[in-house]
Protein backbone atom coordinates (compact mmCIF):
# COMPACT_ATOMS: atom_id res chain seq x y z
CA UNK A 1 -23.37 -28.77 4.87
CA UNK A 2 -23.44 -26.93 1.63
CA UNK A 3 -20.91 -24.20 1.16
CA UNK A 4 -21.97 -21.11 -0.75
CA UNK A 5 -20.48 -20.97 -4.22
CA UNK A 6 -18.09 -18.11 -4.89
CA UNK A 7 -19.56 -15.44 -7.14
CA UNK A 8 -17.66 -13.91 -10.03
CA UNK A 9 -17.72 -10.58 -8.21
CA UNK A 10 -15.81 -12.23 -5.36
CA UNK A 11 -13.11 -13.26 -7.82
CA UNK A 12 -12.91 -9.70 -9.13
CA UNK A 13 -12.65 -8.39 -5.56
CA UNK A 14 -9.85 -10.85 -4.79
CA UNK A 15 -8.04 -9.82 -7.98
CA UNK A 16 -8.36 -6.17 -6.89
CA UNK A 17 -6.81 -6.93 -3.50
CA UNK A 18 -3.94 -8.82 -5.15
CA UNK A 19 -3.33 -5.99 -7.64
CA UNK A 20 -3.25 -3.40 -4.86
CA UNK A 21 -0.76 -5.54 -2.93
CA UNK A 22 1.44 -5.93 -6.01
CA UNK A 23 1.41 -2.19 -6.62
CA UNK A 24 2.32 -1.39 -3.00
CA UNK A 25 5.42 -3.58 -3.10
CA UNK A 26 7.58 -1.34 -5.35
CA UNK A 27 6.68 1.76 -3.37
CA UNK A 28 7.82 0.13 -0.14
CA UNK A 29 10.91 -1.63 -1.49
CA UNK A 30 12.32 0.90 -3.95
CA UNK A 31 14.04 3.18 -1.44
CA UNK A 32 16.55 0.67 -0.06
CA UNK A 33 18.60 0.08 -3.21
CA UNK A 34 18.77 3.83 -3.90
CA UNK A 35 19.56 5.02 -0.38
CA UNK A 36 23.24 5.75 -1.11
CA UNK A 37 22.33 7.91 -4.07
CA UNK A 38 19.57 9.64 -2.11
CA UNK A 39 22.07 10.45 0.67
CA UNK A 40 24.58 11.88 -1.79
CA UNK A 41 22.05 13.89 -3.79
CA UNK A 42 20.14 15.35 -0.85
CA UNK A 43 22.83 15.48 1.83
CA UNK A 44 20.78 13.37 4.26
CA UNK A 45 22.59 11.94 7.24
CA UNK A 46 22.61 8.17 7.76
CA UNK A 47 20.06 8.52 10.55
CA UNK A 48 17.56 10.41 8.39
CA UNK A 49 18.17 8.04 5.48
CA UNK A 50 17.37 5.06 7.69
CA UNK A 51 14.25 6.86 8.91
CA UNK A 52 13.27 7.31 5.26
CA UNK A 53 13.52 3.57 4.63
CA UNK A 54 11.48 2.85 7.79
CA UNK A 55 8.67 5.27 6.92
CA UNK A 56 6.65 2.95 4.60
CA UNK A 57 6.66 0.16 7.19
CA UNK A 58 5.55 2.56 9.93
CA UNK A 59 2.75 3.87 7.72
CA UNK A 60 1.55 0.34 6.92
CA UNK A 61 1.48 -0.49 10.61
CA UNK A 62 -0.15 2.76 11.70
CA UNK A 63 -2.84 2.77 9.02
CA UNK A 64 -3.64 -0.98 8.96
CA UNK A 65 -6.22 -0.71 11.76
CA UNK A 66 -8.22 1.68 9.56
CA UNK A 67 -8.85 -0.99 6.91
CA UNK A 68 -11.60 -2.91 8.74
CA UNK A 69 -13.20 0.34 9.88
CA UNK A 70 -13.32 1.69 6.33
CA UNK A 71 -14.53 -1.66 4.97
CA UNK A 72 -17.33 -1.78 7.50
CA UNK A 73 -18.38 1.82 6.91
CA UNK A 74 -18.07 2.08 3.10
CA UNK A 75 -17.97 -1.56 2.01
CA UNK A 76 -15.04 -3.62 0.85
CA UNK A 77 -15.36 -2.68 -2.83
CA UNK A 78 -15.53 1.05 -2.17
CA UNK A 79 -12.63 0.86 0.27
CA UNK A 80 -10.45 -0.95 -2.26
CA UNK A 81 -11.44 1.52 -4.97
CA UNK A 82 -10.55 4.42 -2.69
CA UNK A 83 -7.23 2.81 -1.79
CA UNK A 84 -6.44 2.37 -5.48
CA UNK A 85 -7.22 6.03 -6.17
CA UNK A 86 -4.90 7.11 -3.35
CA UNK A 87 -2.25 4.67 -4.61
CA UNK A 88 -2.43 6.05 -8.16
CA UNK A 89 -2.23 9.63 -6.86
CA UNK A 90 0.82 8.79 -4.72
CA UNK A 91 2.61 7.05 -7.58
CA UNK A 92 1.82 9.97 -9.90
CA UNK A 93 3.23 12.48 -7.39
CA UNK A 94 6.36 10.40 -6.93
């Protein structure tokens, strides 16, 4: 059987997915090392500080089922573009 050859647009799409994943990593992992300072500066209790570190993981898990729905409705490229816009807006607000 002949396999279809990958198109250059598929490579660009894959690069977009990888770049989004790379950009999400600092947002999810940056709270842990700073949690002591965040507690001191804001007066958060240990319970609320641990909830703060858990929030990104909960959001990933809660919103992950939306990815295939959005991809099916708007297309993979548009969904990734929308995710990147939301990501840029979130990083800019932070």
